[in-house]
């Protein structure tokens, strides 16, 4: 179920790495990077060999870093300190 920009999906089988992987992908598509990283990390904990989860977590981490770098550049152009 989608609710606004958030995603409300419960993983019924708490041992299903693929369920966490899919939910992590969905969070990432919605721009919820922190939740995506959390679910992808859980998928990797459950199945360290799930290559798709490892790759996707790297993509989400790159997005977070890119967003942070954009924020720093924007802030450098203003007179205000980072908060």
N, C-alpha and C. Protein backbone atom coordinates (compact mmCIF):
# COMPACT_ATOMS: atom_id res chain seq x y z
N UNK A 1 0.85 -1.17 0.00
CA UNK A 1 0.00 0.00 0.00
C UNK A 1 0.89 1.24 0.00
N UNK A 2 0.60 2.17 -0.83
CA UNK A 2 1.32 3.43 -0.87
C UNK A 2 0.55 4.47 -0.08
N UNK A 3 1.27 5.27 0.67
CA UNK A 3 0.63 6.36 1.39
C UNK A 3 1.46 7.62 1.19
N UNK A 4 1.00 8.48 0.34
CA UNK A 4 1.79 9.67 0.00
C UNK A 4 3.09 9.25 -0.64
N UNK A 5 4.19 9.80 -0.16
CA UNK A 5 5.50 9.39 -0.66
C UNK A 5 6.06 8.23 0.16
N UNK A 6 5.34 7.84 1.20
CA UNK A 6 5.81 6.75 2.04
C UNK A 6 5.29 5.41 1.55
N UNK A 7 5.90 4.37 2.02
CA UNK A 7 5.52 3.03 1.64
C UNK A 7 5.21 2.27 2.92
N UNK A 8 4.02 1.69 2.97
CA UNK A 8 3.64 0.93 4.15
C UNK A 8 3.42 -0.52 3.76
N UNK A 9 4.48 -1.30 3.85
CA UNK A 9 4.42 -2.72 3.51
C UNK A 9 5.09 -3.48 4.63
N UNK A 10 4.40 -4.48 5.14
CA UNK A 10 4.95 -5.30 6.20
C UNK A 10 5.54 -6.57 5.59
N UNK A 11 6.75 -6.90 6.01
CA UNK A 11 7.37 -8.15 5.58
C UNK A 11 6.85 -9.24 6.50
N UNK A 12 6.00 -10.13 5.94
CA UNK A 12 5.38 -11.17 6.77
C UNK A 12 6.40 -12.23 7.18
N UNK A 13 7.23 -12.65 6.24
CA UNK A 13 8.25 -13.65 6.56
C UNK A 13 9.53 -12.91 6.91
N UNK A 14 9.79 -12.74 8.19
CA UNK A 14 10.94 -11.95 8.66
C UNK A 14 12.28 -12.55 8.26
N UNK A 15 12.28 -13.76 7.70
CA UNK A 15 13.52 -14.40 7.28
C UNK A 15 13.69 -14.37 5.77
N UNK A 16 12.84 -13.64 5.10
CA UNK A 16 12.89 -13.57 3.64
C UNK A 16 13.77 -12.41 3.18
N UNK A 17 14.97 -12.74 2.78
CA UNK A 17 15.89 -11.69 2.31
C UNK A 17 15.33 -11.01 1.07
N UNK A 18 14.67 -11.77 0.21
CA UNK A 18 14.15 -11.21 -1.03
C UNK A 18 13.01 -10.22 -0.77
N UNK A 19 12.20 -10.46 0.26
CA UNK A 19 11.13 -9.52 0.61
C UNK A 19 11.72 -8.19 1.06
N UNK A 20 12.76 -8.24 1.89
CA UNK A 20 13.43 -7.00 2.31
C UNK A 20 14.08 -6.31 1.12
N UNK A 21 14.67 -7.12 0.23
CA UNK A 21 15.28 -6.56 -0.97
C UNK A 21 14.26 -5.80 -1.81
N UNK A 22 13.11 -6.40 -2.06
CA UNK A 22 12.08 -5.76 -2.87
C UNK A 22 11.53 -4.50 -2.21
N UNK A 23 11.32 -4.57 -0.89
CA UNK A 23 10.83 -3.38 -0.19
C UNK A 23 11.88 -2.28 -0.20
N UNK A 24 13.15 -2.67 -0.08
CA UNK A 24 14.23 -1.69 -0.16
C UNK A 24 14.27 -1.00 -1.51
N UNK A 25 14.08 -1.77 -2.58
CA UNK A 25 14.02 -1.17 -3.92
C UNK A 25 12.88 -0.17 -4.02
N UNK A 26 11.74 -0.54 -3.47
CA UNK A 26 10.57 0.34 -3.52
C UNK A 26 10.82 1.64 -2.77
N UNK A 27 11.42 1.54 -1.59
CA UNK A 27 11.76 2.75 -0.83
C UNK A 27 12.70 3.63 -1.64
N UNK A 28 13.67 3.02 -2.29
CA UNK A 28 14.62 3.78 -3.09
C UNK A 28 13.96 4.52 -4.23
N UNK A 29 13.03 3.85 -4.90
CA UNK A 29 12.31 4.48 -6.02
C UNK A 29 11.49 5.68 -5.55
N UNK A 30 11.03 5.63 -4.29
CA UNK A 30 10.24 6.72 -3.73
C UNK A 30 11.11 7.82 -3.11
N UNK A 31 12.42 7.62 -3.14
CA UNK A 31 13.32 8.62 -2.58
C UNK A 31 13.53 8.50 -1.08
N UNK A 32 13.07 7.42 -0.50
CA UNK A 32 13.25 7.17 0.94
C UNK A 32 14.55 6.39 1.14
N UNK A 33 15.68 7.09 0.97
CA UNK A 33 16.97 6.41 0.92
C UNK A 33 17.34 5.72 2.23
N UNK A 34 17.06 6.35 3.36
CA UNK A 34 17.41 5.74 4.64
C UNK A 34 16.66 4.42 4.83
N UNK A 35 15.36 4.43 4.53
CA UNK A 35 14.59 3.19 4.68
C UNK A 35 15.05 2.14 3.67
N UNK A 36 15.41 2.58 2.48
CA UNK A 36 15.92 1.65 1.46
C UNK A 36 17.20 0.99 1.97
N UNK A 37 18.10 1.79 2.50
CA UNK A 37 19.37 1.24 2.99
C UNK A 37 19.13 0.28 4.15
N UNK A 38 18.20 0.61 5.04
CA UNK A 38 17.90 -0.27 6.17
C UNK A 38 17.38 -1.63 5.68
N UNK A 39 16.44 -1.61 4.75
CA UNK A 39 15.88 -2.87 4.25
C UNK A 39 16.91 -3.66 3.45
N UNK A 40 17.71 -2.99 2.65
CA UNK A 40 18.73 -3.69 1.88
C UNK A 40 19.80 -4.27 2.79
N UNK A 41 20.13 -3.56 3.86
CA UNK A 41 21.08 -4.09 4.83
C UNK A 41 20.52 -5.34 5.50
N UNK A 42 19.23 -5.32 5.85
CA UNK A 42 18.59 -6.49 6.45
C UNK A 42 18.61 -7.67 5.48
N UNK A 43 18.35 -7.41 4.20
CA UNK A 43 18.38 -8.47 3.19
C UNK A 43 19.78 -9.08 3.13
N UNK A 44 20.81 -8.25 3.19
CA UNK A 44 22.18 -8.74 3.14
C UNK A 44 22.53 -9.52 4.40
N UNK A 45 22.04 -9.08 5.55
CA UNK A 45 22.27 -9.82 6.80
C UNK A 45 21.68 -11.22 6.70
N UNK A 46 20.49 -11.32 6.10
CA UNK A 46 19.83 -12.62 5.97
C UNK A 46 20.46 -13.49 4.89
N UNK A 47 20.97 -12.86 3.82
CA UNK A 47 21.59 -13.60 2.73
C UNK A 47 22.74 -12.77 2.16
N UNK A 48 23.94 -12.95 2.69
CA UNK A 48 25.09 -12.17 2.24
C UNK A 48 25.43 -12.37 0.76
N UNK A 49 24.90 -13.42 0.16
CA UNK A 49 25.20 -13.72 -1.24
C UNK A 49 24.15 -13.18 -2.21
N UNK A 50 23.20 -12.44 -1.69
CA UNK A 50 22.18 -11.82 -2.55
C UNK A 50 22.81 -10.61 -3.22
N UNK A 51 23.39 -10.86 -4.38
CA UNK A 51 24.17 -9.83 -5.09
C UNK A 51 23.35 -8.59 -5.39
N UNK A 52 22.09 -8.78 -5.74
CA UNK A 52 21.24 -7.63 -6.09
C UNK A 52 21.10 -6.67 -4.91
N UNK A 53 21.00 -7.21 -3.70
CA UNK A 53 20.85 -6.36 -2.51
C UNK A 53 22.14 -5.60 -2.25
N UNK A 54 23.28 -6.26 -2.40
CA UNK A 54 24.56 -5.59 -2.21
C UNK A 54 24.73 -4.45 -3.21
N UNK A 55 24.42 -4.72 -4.46
CA UNK A 55 24.54 -3.72 -5.51
C UNK A 55 23.59 -2.55 -5.26
N UNK A 56 22.35 -2.85 -4.94
CA UNK A 56 21.34 -1.81 -4.73
C UNK A 56 21.66 -0.94 -3.53
N UNK A 57 22.21 -1.54 -2.48
CA UNK A 57 22.58 -0.74 -1.31
C UNK A 57 23.69 0.25 -1.68
N UNK A 58 24.62 -0.19 -2.51
CA UNK A 58 25.65 0.72 -2.99
C UNK A 58 25.07 1.88 -3.78
N UNK A 59 24.07 1.60 -4.61
CA UNK A 59 23.40 2.65 -5.39
C UNK A 59 22.73 3.65 -4.46
N UNK A 60 22.02 3.16 -3.45
CA UNK A 60 21.32 4.05 -2.51
C UNK A 60 22.31 4.88 -1.71
N UNK A 61 23.41 4.28 -1.29
CA UNK A 61 24.42 5.04 -0.56
C UNK A 61 25.00 6.14 -1.45
N UNK A 62 25.22 5.85 -2.72
CA UNK A 62 25.72 6.85 -3.66
C UNK A 62 24.73 8.00 -3.78
N UNK A 63 23.43 7.70 -3.81
CA UNK A 63 22.41 8.76 -3.89
C UNK A 63 22.45 9.66 -2.67
N UNK A 64 22.63 9.05 -1.50
CA UNK A 64 22.70 9.84 -0.26
C UNK A 64 23.93 10.75 -0.31
N UNK A 65 25.06 10.22 -0.73
CA UNK A 65 26.28 11.02 -0.82
C UNK A 65 26.11 12.15 -1.83
N UNK A 66 25.51 11.86 -2.98
CA UNK A 66 25.28 12.89 -3.99
C UNK A 66 24.37 14.00 -3.46
N UNK A 67 23.30 13.61 -2.76
CA UNK A 67 22.40 14.61 -2.18
C UNK A 67 23.12 15.47 -1.15
N UNK A 68 23.94 14.84 -0.34
CA UNK A 68 24.69 15.58 0.68
C UNK A 68 25.65 16.57 0.03
N UNK A 69 26.34 16.12 -1.01
CA UNK A 69 27.27 17.02 -1.71
C UNK A 69 26.54 18.19 -2.36
N UNK A 70 25.35 17.96 -2.91
CA UNK A 70 24.56 19.05 -3.48
C UNK A 70 24.19 20.06 -2.40
N UNK A 71 23.81 19.55 -1.23
CA UNK A 71 23.44 20.42 -0.13
C UNK A 71 24.62 21.28 0.30
N UNK A 72 25.80 20.71 0.34
CA UNK A 72 26.99 21.46 0.72
C UNK A 72 27.27 22.56 -0.30
N UNK A 73 27.16 22.24 -1.59
CA UNK A 73 27.39 23.25 -2.63
C UNK A 73 26.38 24.38 -2.54
N UNK A 74 25.13 24.04 -2.31
CA UNK A 74 24.10 25.07 -2.18
C UNK A 74 24.37 25.94 -0.98
N UNK A 75 24.77 25.33 0.11
CA UNK A 75 25.01 26.08 1.33
C UNK A 75 26.23 26.99 1.20
N UNK A 76 27.23 26.56 0.45
CA UNK A 76 28.43 27.38 0.27
C UNK A 76 28.12 28.66 -0.49
N UNK A 77 27.06 28.62 -1.29
CA UNK A 77 26.71 29.82 -2.05
C UNK A 77 25.91 30.82 -1.22
N UNK A 78 25.49 30.40 -0.03
CA UNK A 78 24.76 31.34 0.84
C UNK A 78 25.68 31.79 1.97
N UNK A 79 25.21 32.73 2.72
CA UNK A 79 25.98 33.27 3.84
C UNK A 79 25.73 32.50 5.13
N UNK A 80 24.75 31.61 5.12
CA UNK A 80 24.35 30.90 6.34
C UNK A 80 25.26 29.70 6.59
N UNK A 81 25.55 29.39 7.86
CA UNK A 81 26.32 28.19 8.16
C UNK A 81 25.46 26.94 8.01
N UNK A 82 26.11 25.80 7.83
CA UNK A 82 25.39 24.52 7.75
C UNK A 82 24.69 24.25 9.07
N UNK A 83 23.45 23.79 9.00
CA UNK A 83 22.72 23.44 10.22
C UNK A 83 22.22 22.03 10.11
